[in-house]
């Protein structure tokens, strides 16, 4: 439910996001293990 509330709040606060169907779906995909396991943005130097 917290994630659902965050999504609904972003729809209210961000008109560009609200109009972008791909961004709306990416909101959930980027919070799923199918995305996070890709390690997008993980800096390779330790």
ModelCIF file with pLDDT and N, C-alpha, C, O atoms, coordinates in Angstrom:
data_MODEL
#
_entry.id   MODEL 
#
_entity.id                         1 
_entity.type                       polymer 
_entity.pdbx_number_of_molecules   1 
#
_entity_poly.entity_id                      1 
_entity_poly.type                           'polypeptide(L)' 
_entity_poly.nstd_linkage                   no 
_entity_poly.nstd_monomer                   no 
_entity_poly.pdbx_seq_one_letter_code       
;(UNK)(UNK)(UNK)(UNK)(UNK)(UNK)(UNK)(UNK)(UNK)(UNK)(UNK)(UNK)(UNK)(UNK)(UNK)(UNK)
(UNK)(UNK)(UNK)(UNK)(UNK)(UNK)(UNK)(UNK)(UNK)(UNK)(UNK)(UNK)(UNK)(UNK)(UNK)(UNK)
(UNK)(UNK)(UNK)(UNK)(UNK)(UNK)(UNK)(UNK)(UNK)(UNK)(UNK)(UNK)(UNK)(UNK)
;
_entity_poly.pdbx_seq_one_letter_code_can   XXXXXXXXXXXXXXXXXXXXXXXXXXXXXXXXXXXXXXXXXXXXXX 
_entity_poly.pdbx_strand_id                 A 
#
loop_
_entity_poly_seq.entity_id 
_entity_poly_seq.num 
_entity_poly_seq.mon_id 
_entity_poly_seq.hetero 
1 1  UNK n 
1 2  UNK n 
1 3  UNK n 
1 4  UNK n 
1 5  UNK n 
1 6  UNK n 
1 7  UNK n 
1 8  UNK n 
1 9  UNK n 
1 10 UNK n 
1 11 UNK n 
1 12 UNK n 
1 13 UNK n 
1 14 UNK n 
1 15 UNK n 
1 16 UNK n 
1 17 UNK n 
1 18 UNK n 
1 19 UNK n 
1 20 UNK n 
1 21 UNK n 
1 22 UNK n 
1 23 UNK n 
1 24 UNK n 
1 25 UNK n 
1 26 UNK n 
1 27 UNK n 
1 28 UNK n 
1 29 UNK n 
1 30 UNK n 
1 31 UNK n 
1 32 UNK n 
1 33 UNK n 
1 34 UNK n 
1 35 UNK n 
1 36 UNK n 
1 37 UNK n 
1 38 UNK n 
1 39 UNK n 
1 40 UNK n 
1 41 UNK n 
1 42 UNK n 
1 43 UNK n 
1 44 UNK n 
1 45 UNK n 
1 46 UNK n 
#
_struct_asym.id          A 
_struct_asym.entity_id   1 
#
loop_
_ma_qa_metric.id 
_ma_qa_metric.mode 
_ma_qa_metric.name 
_ma_qa_metric.software_group_id 
_ma_qa_metric.type 
1 global pLDDT . pLDDT 
2 local  pLDDT . pLDDT 
#
_ma_qa_metric_global.metric_id      1 
_ma_qa_metric_global.metric_value   94.39 
_ma_qa_metric_global.model_id       1 
_ma_qa_metric_global.ordinal_id     1 
#
loop_
_ma_qa_metric_local.label_asym_id 
_ma_qa_metric_local.label_comp_id 
_ma_qa_metric_local.label_seq_id 
_ma_qa_metric_local.metric_id 
_ma_qa_metric_local.metric_value 
_ma_qa_metric_local.model_id 
_ma_qa_metric_local.ordinal_id 
A UNK 1  2 96.00 1 1  
A UNK 2  2 97.00 1 2  
A UNK 3  2 97.00 1 3  
A UNK 4  2 97.00 1 4  
A UNK 5  2 97.00 1 5  
A UNK 6  2 97.00 1 6  
A UNK 7  2 97.00 1 7  
A UNK 8  2 96.00 1 8  
A UNK 9  2 97.00 1 9  
A UNK 10 2 96.00 1 10 
A UNK 11 2 97.00 1 11 
A UNK 12 2 96.00 1 12 
A UNK 13 2 97.00 1 13 
A UNK 14 2 96.00 1 14 
A UNK 15 2 96.00 1 15 
A UNK 16 2 96.00 1 16 
A UNK 17 2 96.00 1 17 
A UNK 18 2 96.00 1 18 
A UNK 19 2 96.00 1 19 
A UNK 20 2 97.00 1 20 
A UNK 21 2 96.00 1 21 
A UNK 22 2 94.00 1 22 
A UNK 23 2 95.00 1 23 
A UNK 24 2 96.00 1 24 
A UNK 25 2 96.00 1 25 
A UNK 26 2 93.00 1 26 
A UNK 27 2 95.00 1 27 
A UNK 28 2 95.00 1 28 
A UNK 29 2 93.00 1 29 
A UNK 30 2 91.00 1 30 
A UNK 31 2 93.00 1 31 
A UNK 32 2 93.00 1 32 
A UNK 33 2 92.00 1 33 
A UNK 34 2 89.00 1 34 
A UNK 35 2 87.00 1 35 
A UNK 36 2 82.00 1 36 
A UNK 37 2 82.00 1 37 
A UNK 38 2 83.00 1 38 
A UNK 39 2 91.00 1 39 
A UNK 40 2 93.00 1 40 
A UNK 41 2 95.00 1 41 
A UNK 42 2 96.00 1 42 
A UNK 43 2 98.00 1 43 
A UNK 44 2 98.00 1 44 
A UNK 45 2 98.00 1 45 
A UNK 46 2 98.00 1 46 
#
loop_
_atom_site.group_PDB 
_atom_site.id 
_atom_site.type_symbol 
_atom_site.label_atom_id 
_atom_site.label_alt_id 
_atom_site.label_comp_id 
_atom_site.label_asym_id 
_atom_site.label_entity_id 
_atom_site.label_seq_id 
_atom_site.pdbx_PDB_ins_code 
_atom_site.Cartn_x 
_atom_site.Cartn_y 
_atom_site.Cartn_z 
_atom_site.occupancy 
_atom_site.B_iso_or_equiv 
_atom_site.pdbx_formal_charge 
_atom_site.auth_seq_id 
_atom_site.auth_comp_id 
_atom_site.auth_asym_id 
_atom_site.auth_atom_id 
_atom_site.pdbx_PDB_model_num 
ATOM 1   N N  . UNK A 1 1  ? 0.817  -1.230 0.000   1.00 96.00 ? 1  UNK A N  1 
ATOM 2   C CA . UNK A 1 1  ? 0.000  0.000  0.000   1.00 96.00 ? 1  UNK A CA 1 
ATOM 3   C C  . UNK A 1 1  ? 0.851  1.281  0.000   1.00 96.00 ? 1  UNK A C  1 
ATOM 4   O O  . UNK A 1 1  ? 0.446  2.299  -0.562  1.00 96.00 ? 1  UNK A O  1 
ATOM 5   N N  . UNK A 1 2  ? 2.013  1.224  0.624   1.00 97.00 ? 2  UNK A N  1 
ATOM 6   C CA . UNK A 1 2  ? 2.886  2.413  0.651   1.00 97.00 ? 2  UNK A CA 1 
ATOM 7   C C  . UNK A 1 2  ? 3.355  2.760  -0.759  1.00 97.00 ? 2  UNK A C  1 
ATOM 8   O O  . UNK A 1 2  ? 3.374  3.930  -1.144  1.00 97.00 ? 2  UNK A O  1 
ATOM 9   N N  . UNK A 1 3  ? 3.729  1.748  -1.518  1.00 97.00 ? 3  UNK A N  1 
ATOM 10  C CA . UNK A 1 3  ? 4.155  1.966  -2.896  1.00 97.00 ? 3  UNK A CA 1 
ATOM 11  C C  . UNK A 1 3  ? 3.008  2.541  -3.713  1.00 97.00 ? 3  UNK A C  1 
ATOM 12  O O  . UNK A 1 3  ? 3.210  3.434  -4.535  1.00 97.00 ? 3  UNK A O  1 
ATOM 13  N N  . UNK A 1 4  ? 1.792  2.022  -3.484  1.00 97.00 ? 4  UNK A N  1 
ATOM 14  C CA . UNK A 1 4  ? 0.614  2.528  -4.197  1.00 97.00 ? 4  UNK A CA 1 
ATOM 15  C C  . UNK A 1 4  ? 0.393  4.011  -3.895  1.00 97.00 ? 4  UNK A C  1 
ATOM 16  O O  . UNK A 1 4  ? 0.065  4.794  -4.786  1.00 97.00 ? 4  UNK A O  1 
ATOM 17  N N  . UNK A 1 5  ? 0.574  4.383  -2.634  1.00 97.00 ? 5  UNK A N  1 
ATOM 18  C CA . UNK A 1 5  ? 0.398  5.781  -2.239  1.00 97.00 ? 5  UNK A CA 1 
ATOM 19  C C  . UNK A 1 5  ? 1.480  6.674  -2.875  1.00 97.00 ? 5  UNK A C  1 
ATOM 20  O O  . UNK A 1 5  ? 1.198  7.804  -3.273  1.00 97.00 ? 5  UNK A O  1 
ATOM 21  N N  . UNK A 1 6  ? 2.694  6.169  -2.965  1.00 97.00 ? 6  UNK A N  1 
ATOM 22  C CA . UNK A 1 6  ? 3.777  6.936  -3.588  1.00 97.00 ? 6  UNK A CA 1 
ATOM 23  C C  . UNK A 1 6  ? 3.483  7.179  -5.075  1.00 97.00 ? 6  UNK A C  1 
ATOM 24  O O  . UNK A 1 6  ? 3.726  8.265  -5.602  1.00 97.00 ? 6  UNK A O  1 
ATOM 25  N N  . UNK A 1 7  ? 2.958  6.147  -5.732  1.00 97.00 ? 7  UNK A N  1 
ATOM 26  C CA . UNK A 1 7  ? 2.621  6.278  -7.146  1.00 97.00 ? 7  UNK A CA 1 
ATOM 27  C C  . UNK A 1 7  ? 1.532  7.321  -7.341  1.00 97.00 ? 7  UNK A C  1 
ATOM 28  O O  . UNK A 1 7  ? 1.638  8.175  -8.222  1.00 97.00 ? 7  UNK A O  1 
ATOM 29  N N  . UNK A 1 8  ? 0.502  7.258  -6.538  1.00 96.00 ? 8  UNK A N  1 
ATOM 30  C CA . UNK A 1 8  ? -0.610 8.190  -6.675  1.00 96.00 ? 8  UNK A CA 1 
ATOM 31  C C  . UNK A 1 8  ? -0.177 9.622  -6.371  1.00 96.00 ? 8  UNK A C  1 
ATOM 32  O O  . UNK A 1 8  ? -0.657 10.564 -7.001  1.00 96.00 ? 8  UNK A O  1 
ATOM 33  N N  . UNK A 1 9  ? 0.731  9.788  -5.406  1.00 97.00 ? 9  UNK A N  1 
ATOM 34  C CA . UNK A 1 9  ? 1.227  11.126 -5.073  1.00 97.00 ? 9  UNK A CA 1 
ATOM 35  C C  . UNK A 1 9  ? 2.054  11.697 -6.226  1.00 97.00 ? 9  UNK A C  1 
ATOM 36  O O  . UNK A 1 9  ? 1.976  12.886 -6.536  1.00 97.00 ? 9  UNK A O  1 
ATOM 37  N N  . UNK A 1 10 ? 2.852  10.821 -6.856  1.00 96.00 ? 10 UNK A N  1 
ATOM 38  C CA . UNK A 1 10 ? 3.683  11.285 -7.978  1.00 96.00 ? 10 UNK A CA 1 
ATOM 39  C C  . UNK A 1 10 ? 2.808  11.704 -9.156  1.00 96.00 ? 10 UNK A C  1 
ATOM 40  O O  . UNK A 1 10 ? 3.142  12.645 -9.875  1.00 96.00 ? 10 UNK A O  1 
ATOM 41  N N  . UNK A 1 11 ? 1.703  11.017 -9.353  1.00 97.00 ? 11 UNK A N  1 
ATOM 42  C CA . UNK A 1 11 ? 0.774  11.418 -10.410 1.00 97.00 ? 11 UNK A CA 1 
ATOM 43  C C  . UNK A 1 11 ? 0.251  12.829 -10.175 1.00 97.00 ? 11 UNK A C  1 
ATOM 44  O O  . UNK A 1 11 ? 0.053  13.587 -11.125 1.00 97.00 ? 11 UNK A O  1 
ATOM 45  N N  . UNK A 1 12 ? 0.024  13.186 -8.907  1.00 96.00 ? 12 UNK A N  1 
ATOM 46  C CA . UNK A 1 12 ? -0.476 14.519 -8.572  1.00 96.00 ? 12 UNK A CA 1 
ATOM 47  C C  . UNK A 1 12 ? 0.622  15.583 -8.699  1.00 96.00 ? 12 UNK A C  1 
ATOM 48  O O  . UNK A 1 12 ? 0.374  16.703 -9.147  1.00 96.00 ? 12 UNK A O  1 
ATOM 49  N N  . UNK A 1 13 ? 1.856  15.199 -8.288  1.00 97.00 ? 13 UNK A N  1 
ATOM 50  C CA . UNK A 1 13 ? 2.929  16.195 -8.183  1.00 97.00 ? 13 UNK A CA 1 
ATOM 51  C C  . UNK A 1 13 ? 3.687  16.426 -9.486  1.00 97.00 ? 13 UNK A C  1 
ATOM 52  O O  . UNK A 1 13 ? 4.314  17.471 -9.658  1.00 97.00 ? 13 UNK A O  1 
ATOM 53  N N  . UNK A 1 14 ? 3.637  15.470 -10.396 1.00 96.00 ? 14 UNK A N  1 
ATOM 54  C CA . UNK A 1 14 ? 4.497  15.531 -11.583 1.00 96.00 ? 14 UNK A CA 1 
ATOM 55  C C  . UNK A 1 14 ? 3.640  15.374 -12.842 1.00 96.00 ? 14 UNK A C  1 
ATOM 56  O O  . UNK A 1 14 ? 3.412  14.247 -13.282 1.00 96.00 ? 14 UNK A O  1 
ATOM 57  N N  . UNK A 1 15 ? 3.162  16.466 -13.430 1.00 96.00 ? 15 UNK A N  1 
ATOM 58  C CA . UNK A 1 15 ? 2.275  16.382 -14.614 1.00 96.00 ? 15 UNK A CA 1 
ATOM 59  C C  . UNK A 1 15 ? 2.928  15.650 -15.786 1.00 96.00 ? 15 UNK A C  1 
ATOM 60  O O  . UNK A 1 15 ? 2.257  14.908 -16.504 1.00 96.00 ? 15 UNK A O  1 
ATOM 61  N N  . UNK A 1 16 ? 4.244  15.857 -15.984 1.00 96.00 ? 16 UNK A N  1 
ATOM 62  C CA . UNK A 1 16 ? 4.916  15.184 -17.102 1.00 96.00 ? 16 UNK A CA 1 
ATOM 63  C C  . UNK A 1 16 ? 4.908  13.670 -16.891 1.00 96.00 ? 16 UNK A C  1 
ATOM 64  O O  . UNK A 1 16 ? 4.701  12.903 -17.831 1.00 96.00 ? 16 UNK A O  1 
ATOM 65  N N  . UNK A 1 17 ? 5.129  13.262 -15.671 1.00 96.00 ? 17 UNK A N  1 
ATOM 66  C CA . UNK A 1 17 ? 5.085  11.840 -15.337 1.00 96.00 ? 17 UNK A CA 1 
ATOM 67  C C  . UNK A 1 17 ? 3.681  11.288 -15.574 1.00 96.00 ? 17 UNK A C  1 
ATOM 68  O O  . UNK A 1 17 ? 3.511  10.200 -16.123 1.00 96.00 ? 17 UNK A O  1 
ATOM 69  N N  . UNK A 1 18 ? 2.704  12.040 -15.159 1.00 96.00 ? 18 UNK A N  1 
ATOM 70  C CA . UNK A 1 18 ? 1.325  11.574 -15.281 1.00 96.00 ? 18 UNK A CA 1 
ATOM 71  C C  . UNK A 1 18 ? 0.918  11.362 -16.734 1.00 96.00 ? 18 UNK A C  1 
ATOM 72  O O  . UNK A 1 18 ? 0.082  10.507 -17.029 1.00 96.00 ? 18 UNK A O  1 
ATOM 73  N N  . UNK A 1 19 ? 1.511  12.144 -17.649 1.00 96.00 ? 19 UNK A N  1 
ATOM 74  C CA . UNK A 1 19 ? 1.151  12.042 -19.067 1.00 96.00 ? 19 UNK A CA 1 
ATOM 75  C C  . UNK A 1 19 ? 1.965  10.985 -19.809 1.00 96.00 ? 19 UNK A C  1 
ATOM 76  O O  . UNK A 1 19 ? 1.688  10.704 -20.975 1.00 96.00 ? 19 UNK A O  1 
ATOM 77  N N  . UNK A 1 20 ? 2.961  10.396 -19.155 1.00 97.00 ? 20 UNK A N  1 
ATOM 78  C CA . UNK A 1 20 ? 3.905  9.489  -19.825 1.00 97.00 ? 20 UNK A CA 1 
ATOM 79  C C  . UNK A 1 20 ? 3.592  8.049  -19.416 1.00 97.00 ? 20 UNK A C  1 
ATOM 80  O O  . UNK A 1 20 ? 3.929  7.624  -18.311 1.00 97.00 ? 20 UNK A O  1 
ATOM 81  N N  . UNK A 1 21 ? 2.956  7.312  -20.301 1.00 96.00 ? 21 UNK A N  1 
ATOM 82  C CA . UNK A 1 21 ? 2.553  5.937  -19.963 1.00 96.00 ? 21 UNK A CA 1 
ATOM 83  C C  . UNK A 1 21 ? 3.751  5.053  -19.687 1.00 96.00 ? 21 UNK A C  1 
ATOM 84  O O  . UNK A 1 21 ? 3.701  4.203  -18.797 1.00 96.00 ? 21 UNK A O  1 
ATOM 85  N N  . UNK A 1 22 ? 4.846  5.241  -20.447 1.00 94.00 ? 22 UNK A N  1 
ATOM 86  C CA . UNK A 1 22 ? 6.043  4.429  -20.217 1.00 94.00 ? 22 UNK A CA 1 
ATOM 87  C C  . UNK A 1 22 ? 6.671  4.727  -18.856 1.00 94.00 ? 22 UNK A C  1 
ATOM 88  O O  . UNK A 1 22 ? 7.123  3.815  -18.163 1.00 94.00 ? 22 UNK A O  1 
ATOM 89  N N  . UNK A 1 23 ? 6.697  6.000  -18.479 1.00 95.00 ? 23 UNK A N  1 
ATOM 90  C CA . UNK A 1 23 ? 7.251  6.366  -17.178 1.00 95.00 ? 23 UNK A CA 1 
ATOM 91  C C  . UNK A 1 23 ? 6.413  5.784  -16.050 1.00 95.00 ? 23 UNK A C  1 
ATOM 92  O O  . UNK A 1 23 ? 6.948  5.372  -15.020 1.00 95.00 ? 23 UNK A O  1 
ATOM 93  N N  . UNK A 1 24 ? 5.117  5.751  -16.241 1.00 96.00 ? 24 UNK A N  1 
ATOM 94  C CA . UNK A 1 24 ? 4.245  5.212  -15.189 1.00 96.00 ? 24 UNK A CA 1 
ATOM 95  C C  . UNK A 1 24 ? 4.503  3.724  -14.979 1.00 96.00 ? 24 UNK A C  1 
ATOM 96  O O  . UNK A 1 24 ? 4.528  3.246  -13.845 1.00 96.00 ? 24 UNK A O  1 
ATOM 97  N N  . UNK A 1 25 ? 4.697  2.989  -16.082 1.00 96.00 ? 25 UNK A N  1 
ATOM 98  C CA . UNK A 1 25 ? 4.998  1.563  -15.940 1.00 96.00 ? 25 UNK A CA 1 
ATOM 99  C C  . UNK A 1 25 ? 6.419  1.347  -15.405 1.00 96.00 ? 25 UNK A C  1 
ATOM 100 O O  . UNK A 1 25 ? 6.662  0.426  -14.625 1.00 96.00 ? 25 UNK A O  1 
ATOM 101 N N  . UNK A 1 26 ? 7.369  2.220  -15.839 1.00 93.00 ? 26 UNK A N  1 
ATOM 102 C CA . UNK A 1 26 ? 8.749  2.088  -15.373 1.00 93.00 ? 26 UNK A CA 1 
ATOM 103 C C  . UNK A 1 26 ? 8.855  2.330  -13.880 1.00 93.00 ? 26 UNK A C  1 
ATOM 104 O O  . UNK A 1 26 ? 9.754  1.793  -13.233 1.00 93.00 ? 26 UNK A O  1 
ATOM 105 N N  . UNK A 1 27 ? 7.958  3.128  -13.317 1.00 95.00 ? 27 UNK A N  1 
ATOM 106 C CA . UNK A 1 27 ? 7.947  3.366  -11.884 1.00 95.00 ? 27 UNK A CA 1 
ATOM 107 C C  . UNK A 1 27 ? 7.925  2.040  -11.126 1.00 95.00 ? 27 UNK A C  1 
ATOM 108 O O  . UNK A 1 27 ? 8.599  1.898  -10.106 1.00 95.00 ? 27 UNK A O  1 
ATOM 109 N N  . UNK A 1 28 ? 7.178  1.099  -11.604 1.00 95.00 ? 28 UNK A N  1 
ATOM 110 C CA . UNK A 1 28 ? 7.075  -0.195 -10.920 1.00 95.00 ? 28 UNK A CA 1 
ATOM 111 C C  . UNK A 1 28 ? 8.206  -1.132 -11.336 1.00 95.00 ? 28 UNK A C  1 
ATOM 112 O O  . UNK A 1 28 ? 8.784  -1.821 -10.496 1.00 95.00 ? 28 UNK A O  1 
ATOM 113 N N  . UNK A 1 29 ? 8.520  -1.156 -12.625 1.00 93.00 ? 29 UNK A N  1 
ATOM 114 C CA . UNK A 1 29 ? 9.576  -2.055 -13.105 1.00 93.00 ? 29 UNK A CA 1 
ATOM 115 C C  . UNK A 1 29 ? 10.911 -1.759 -12.419 1.00 93.00 ? 29 UNK A C  1 
ATOM 116 O O  . UNK A 1 29 ? 11.651 -2.674 -12.058 1.00 93.00 ? 29 UNK A O  1 
ATOM 117 N N  . UNK A 1 30 ? 11.211 -0.453 -12.242 1.00 91.00 ? 30 UNK A N  1 
ATOM 118 C CA . UNK A 1 30 ? 12.501 -0.089 -11.651 1.00 91.00 ? 30 UNK A CA 1 
ATOM 119 C C  . UNK A 1 30 ? 12.575 -0.375 -10.151 1.00 91.00 ? 30 UNK A C  1 
ATOM 120 O O  . UNK A 1 30 ? 13.642 -0.264 -9.546  1.00 91.00 ? 30 UNK A O  1 
ATOM 121 N N  . UNK A 1 31 ? 11.463 -0.737 -9.564  1.00 93.00 ? 31 UNK A N  1 
ATOM 122 C CA . UNK A 1 31 ? 11.446 -1.112 -8.154  1.00 93.00 ? 31 UNK A CA 1 
ATOM 123 C C  . UNK A 1 31 ? 11.290 -2.615 -7.982  1.00 93.00 ? 31 UNK A C  1 
ATOM 124 O O  . UNK A 1 31 ? 11.070 -3.111 -6.877  1.00 93.00 ? 31 UNK A O  1 
ATOM 125 N N  . UNK A 1 32 ? 11.408 -3.322 -9.084  1.00 93.00 ? 32 UNK A N  1 
ATOM 126 C CA . UNK A 1 32 ? 11.233 -4.780 -9.041  1.00 93.00 ? 32 UNK A CA 1 
ATOM 127 C C  . UNK A 1 32 ? 12.582 -5.478 -9.160  1.00 93.00 ? 32 UNK A C  1 
ATOM 128 O O  . UNK A 1 32 ? 13.539 -4.867 -9.638  1.00 93.00 ? 32 UNK A O  1 
ATOM 129 N N  . UNK A 1 33 ? 12.690 -6.728 -8.745  1.00 92.00 ? 33 UNK A N  1 
ATOM 130 C CA . UNK A 1 33 ? 13.966 -7.451 -8.870  1.00 92.00 ? 33 UNK A CA 1 
ATOM 131 C C  . UNK A 1 33 ? 14.398 -7.659 -10.309 1.00 92.00 ? 33 UNK A C  1 
ATOM 132 O O  . UNK A 1 33 ? 15.581 -7.879 -10.569 1.00 92.00 ? 33 UNK A O  1 
ATOM 133 N N  . UNK A 1 34 ? 13.448 -7.593 -11.269 1.00 89.00 ? 34 UNK A N  1 
ATOM 134 C CA . UNK A 1 34 ? 13.824 -7.764 -12.678 1.00 89.00 ? 34 UNK A CA 1 
ATOM 135 C C  . UNK A 1 34 ? 14.706 -6.606 -13.164 1.00 89.00 ? 34 UNK A C  1 
ATOM 136 O O  . UNK A 1 34 ? 15.498 -6.753 -14.095 1.00 89.00 ? 34 UNK A O  1 
ATOM 137 N N  . UNK A 1 35 ? 14.545 -5.463 -12.511 1.00 87.00 ? 35 UNK A N  1 
ATOM 138 C CA . UNK A 1 35 ? 15.383 -4.306 -12.874 1.00 87.00 ? 35 UNK A CA 1 
ATOM 139 C C  . UNK A 1 35 ? 16.615 -4.206 -11.978 1.00 87.00 ? 35 UNK A C  1 
ATOM 140 O O  . UNK A 1 35 ? 17.726 -4.012 -12.472 1.00 87.00 ? 35 UNK A O  1 
ATOM 141 N N  . UNK A 1 36 ? 16.429 -4.336 -10.673 1.00 82.00 ? 36 UNK A N  1 
ATOM 142 C CA . UNK A 1 36 ? 17.540 -4.089 -9.748  1.00 82.00 ? 36 UNK A CA 1 
ATOM 143 C C  . UNK A 1 36 ? 18.675 -5.087 -9.928  1.00 82.00 ? 36 UNK A C  1 
ATOM 144 O O  . UNK A 1 36 ? 19.827 -4.758 -9.643  1.00 82.00 ? 36 UNK A O  1 
ATOM 145 N N  . UNK A 1 37 ? 18.382 -6.289 -10.391 1.00 82.00 ? 37 UNK A N  1 
ATOM 146 C CA . UNK A 1 37 ? 19.466 -7.257 -10.607 1.00 82.00 ? 37 UNK A CA 1 
ATOM 147 C C  . UNK A 1 37 ? 20.346 -6.875 -11.796 1.00 82.00 ? 37 UNK A C  1 
ATOM 148 O O  . UNK A 1 37 ? 21.440 -7.417 -11.950 1.00 82.00 ? 37 UNK A O  1 
ATOM 149 N N  . UNK A 1 38 ? 19.881 -5.946 -12.641 1.00 83.00 ? 38 UNK A N  1 
ATOM 150 C CA . UNK A 1 38 ? 20.717 -5.466 -13.749 1.00 83.00 ? 38 UNK A CA 1 
ATOM 151 C C  . UNK A 1 38 ? 21.808 -4.513 -13.271 1.00 83.00 ? 38 UNK A C  1 
ATOM 152 O O  . UNK A 1 38 ? 22.772 -4.248 -13.990 1.00 83.00 ? 38 UNK A O  1 
ATOM 153 N N  . UNK A 1 39 ? 21.647 -4.003 -12.055 1.00 91.00 ? 39 UNK A N  1 
ATOM 154 C CA . UNK A 1 39 ? 22.636 -3.103 -11.444 1.00 91.00 ? 39 UNK A CA 1 
ATOM 155 C C  . UNK A 1 39 ? 22.920 -1.878 -12.321 1.00 91.00 ? 39 UNK A C  1 
ATOM 156 O O  . UNK A 1 39 ? 24.071 -1.468 -12.475 1.00 91.00 ? 39 UNK A O  1 
ATOM 157 N N  . UNK A 1 40 ? 21.869 -1.307 -12.886 1.00 93.00 ? 40 UNK A N  1 
ATOM 158 C CA . UNK A 1 40 ? 22.031 -0.087 -13.670 1.00 93.00 ? 40 UNK A CA 1 
ATOM 159 C C  . UNK A 1 40 ? 22.540 1.023  -12.756 1.00 93.00 ? 40 UNK A C  1 
ATOM 160 O O  . UNK A 1 40 ? 21.944 1.299  -11.714 1.00 93.00 ? 40 UNK A O  1 
ATOM 161 N N  . UNK A 1 41 ? 23.636 1.654  -13.146 1.00 95.00 ? 41 UNK A N  1 
ATOM 162 C CA . UNK A 1 41 ? 24.213 2.732  -12.351 1.00 95.00 ? 41 UNK A CA 1 
ATOM 163 C C  . UNK A 1 41 ? 25.152 2.283  -11.257 1.00 95.00 ? 41 UNK A C  1 
ATOM 164 O O  . UNK A 1 41 ? 25.637 3.107  -10.482 1.00 95.00 ? 41 UNK A O  1 
ATOM 165 N N  . UNK A 1 42 ? 25.421 0.991  -11.178 1.00 96.00 ? 42 UNK A N  1 
ATOM 166 C CA . UNK A 1 42 ? 26.359 0.500  -10.160 1.00 96.00 ? 42 UNK A CA 1 
ATOM 167 C C  . UNK A 1 42 ? 27.790 0.819  -10.601 1.00 96.00 ? 42 UNK A C  1 
ATOM 168 O O  . UNK A 1 42 ? 28.250 0.311  -11.624 1.00 96.00 ? 42 UNK A O  1 
ATOM 169 N N  . UNK A 1 43 ? 28.477 1.637  -9.854  1.00 98.00 ? 43 UNK A N  1 
ATOM 170 C CA . UNK A 1 43 ? 29.836 2.040  -10.214 1.00 98.00 ? 43 UNK A CA 1 
ATOM 171 C C  . UNK A 1 43 ? 30.773 0.856  -10.025 1.00 98.00 ? 43 UNK A C  1 
ATOM 172 O O  . UNK A 1 43 ? 30.784 0.268  -8.944  1.00 98.00 ? 43 UNK A O  1 
ATOM 173 N N  . UNK A 1 44 ? 31.554 0.484  -11.025 1.00 98.00 ? 44 UNK A N  1 
ATOM 174 C CA . UNK A 1 44 ? 32.294 -0.779 -10.964 1.00 98.00 ? 44 UNK A CA 1 
ATOM 175 C C  . UNK A 1 44 ? 33.552 -0.752 -10.096 1.00 98.00 ? 44 UNK A C  1 
ATOM 176 O O  . UNK A 1 44 ? 34.079 -1.804 -9.735  1.00 98.00 ? 44 UNK A O  1 
ATOM 177 N N  . UNK A 1 45 ? 34.034 0.448  -9.761  1.00 98.00 ? 45 UNK A N  1 
ATOM 178 C CA . UNK A 1 45 ? 35.270 0.534  -8.973  1.00 98.00 ? 45 UNK A CA 1 
ATOM 179 C C  . UNK A 1 45 ? 34.925 0.417  -7.497  1.00 98.00 ? 45 UNK A C  1 
ATOM 180 O O  . UNK A 1 45 ? 34.005 1.073  -7.007  1.00 98.00 ? 45 UNK A O  1 
ATOM 181 N N  . UNK A 1 46 ? 35.670 -0.420 -6.799  1.00 98.00 ? 46 UNK A N  1 
ATOM 182 C CA . UNK A 1 46 ? 35.431 -0.655 -5.377  1.00 98.00 ? 46 UNK A CA 1 
ATOM 183 C C  . UNK A 1 46 ? 36.492 0.052  -4.534  1.00 98.00 ? 46 UNK A C  1 
ATOM 184 O O  . UNK A 1 46 ? 36.459 -0.029 -3.306  1.00 98.00 ? 46 UNK A O  1 
#
